[in-house]
Amino acid sequence: MAGLYGADEGGAIHAVNLRSEYMTNPSGIDVVRPLLSWVPESRDPSARSLQQTAYQVLVAPRWSCWRETRATSGTVER
């Protein structure tokens, strides 16, 4: 089962509304370089002016198997 999951390390923001090729949890994508998108959301509702400064995309067979990562974007600074 494929899925899109936003993971974080307890930072001030986390990713929500994850999509691949405009779809939420697609069962298959036949695009070599799919368009990925997400919305950064603050953990603190009173926080303002938070910005995402970097991201990393990992591709793994299952959410629980990060040790079996098949591809990574590396850290991308924005």
Protein backbone atom coordinates (compact mmCIF):
# COMPACT_ATOMS: atom_id res chain seq x y z
CA MET A 1 0.00 0.00 0.00
CA ALA A 2 1.41 3.36 -1.01
CA GLY A 3 1.03 6.41 1.11
CA LEU A 4 2.28 9.93 1.64
CA TYR A 5 3.42 10.73 5.14
CA GLY A 6 4.87 13.86 6.69
CA ALA A 7 7.55 13.13 9.24
CA ASP A 8 9.43 15.62 11.31
CA GLU A 9 11.85 15.79 14.16
CA GLY A 10 9.74 17.83 16.54
CA GLY A 11 10.33 21.18 14.81
CA ALA A 12 8.09 24.22 14.96
CA ILE A 13 6.30 23.25 11.74
CA HIS A 14 5.25 20.00 10.12
CA ALA A 15 3.89 19.03 6.70
CA VAL A 16 0.18 18.47 6.07
CA ASN A 17 -1.93 17.95 2.93
CA LEU A 18 0.78 15.91 1.21
CA ARG A 19 0.16 15.24 -2.49
CA SER A 20 1.83 13.56 -5.44
CA GLU A 21 0.72 14.65 -8.92
CA TYR A 22 -2.18 16.52 -7.25
CA MET A 23 -3.48 13.30 -5.62
CA THR A 24 -3.63 12.30 -1.96
CA ASN A 25 -2.31 8.75 -1.39
CA PRO A 26 -2.22 7.69 -5.05
CA SER A 27 -2.06 3.96 -5.68
CA GLY A 28 0.44 4.40 -8.50
CA ILE A 29 2.28 7.15 -10.33
CA ASP A 30 3.69 6.60 -13.81
CA VAL A 31 5.75 9.80 -13.86
CA VAL A 32 9.55 9.65 -13.60
CA ARG A 33 9.78 12.91 -11.61
CA PRO A 34 6.39 13.37 -9.91
CA LEU A 35 5.29 16.73 -8.63
CA LEU A 36 5.23 16.67 -4.83
CA SER A 37 3.52 19.28 -2.70
CA TRP A 38 2.66 19.92 0.93
CA VAL A 39 1.53 22.69 3.24
CA PRO A 40 3.73 23.65 6.20
CA GLU A 41 1.66 24.02 9.37
CA SER A 42 2.68 25.46 12.72
CA ARG A 43 2.47 23.31 15.85
CA ASP A 44 1.73 26.45 17.87
CA PRO A 45 -1.49 28.20 16.78
CA SER A 46 -0.22 31.53 18.19
CA ALA A 47 3.05 31.37 16.20
CA ARG A 48 3.41 33.75 13.29
CA SER A 49 5.91 34.31 10.47
CA LEU A 50 7.36 30.78 10.58
CA GLN A 51 9.07 29.69 7.38
CA GLN A 52 10.16 26.38 5.96
CA THR A 53 13.89 26.62 5.21
CA ALA A 54 14.70 23.11 3.95
CA TYR A 55 13.17 19.76 3.11
CA GLN A 56 14.16 16.17 2.41
CA VAL A 57 12.12 13.59 0.49
CA LEU A 58 12.67 9.89 1.23
CA VAL A 59 11.18 7.02 -0.77
CA ALA A 60 10.71 3.77 1.14
CA PRO A 61 8.50 0.70 0.67
CA ARG A 62 6.57 1.36 3.88
CA TRP A 63 6.23 4.11 6.49
CA SER A 64 7.87 1.92 9.13
CA CYS A 65 10.89 0.92 6.95
CA TRP A 66 13.07 4.02 6.67
CA ARG A 67 16.14 1.75 6.80
CA GLU A 68 15.05 0.43 3.41
CA THR A 69 15.06 3.89 1.80
CA ARG A 70 15.20 3.48 -1.97
CA ALA A 71 15.75 7.11 -2.92
CA THR A 72 16.41 10.43 -1.22
CA SER A 73 16.51 14.01 -2.36
CA GLY A 74 19.10 14.87 0.25
CA THR A 75 18.51 18.05 2.20
CA VAL A 76 17.32 20.82 -0.10
CA GLU A 77 17.84 24.33 1.26
CA ARG A 78 15.26 26.92 0.25
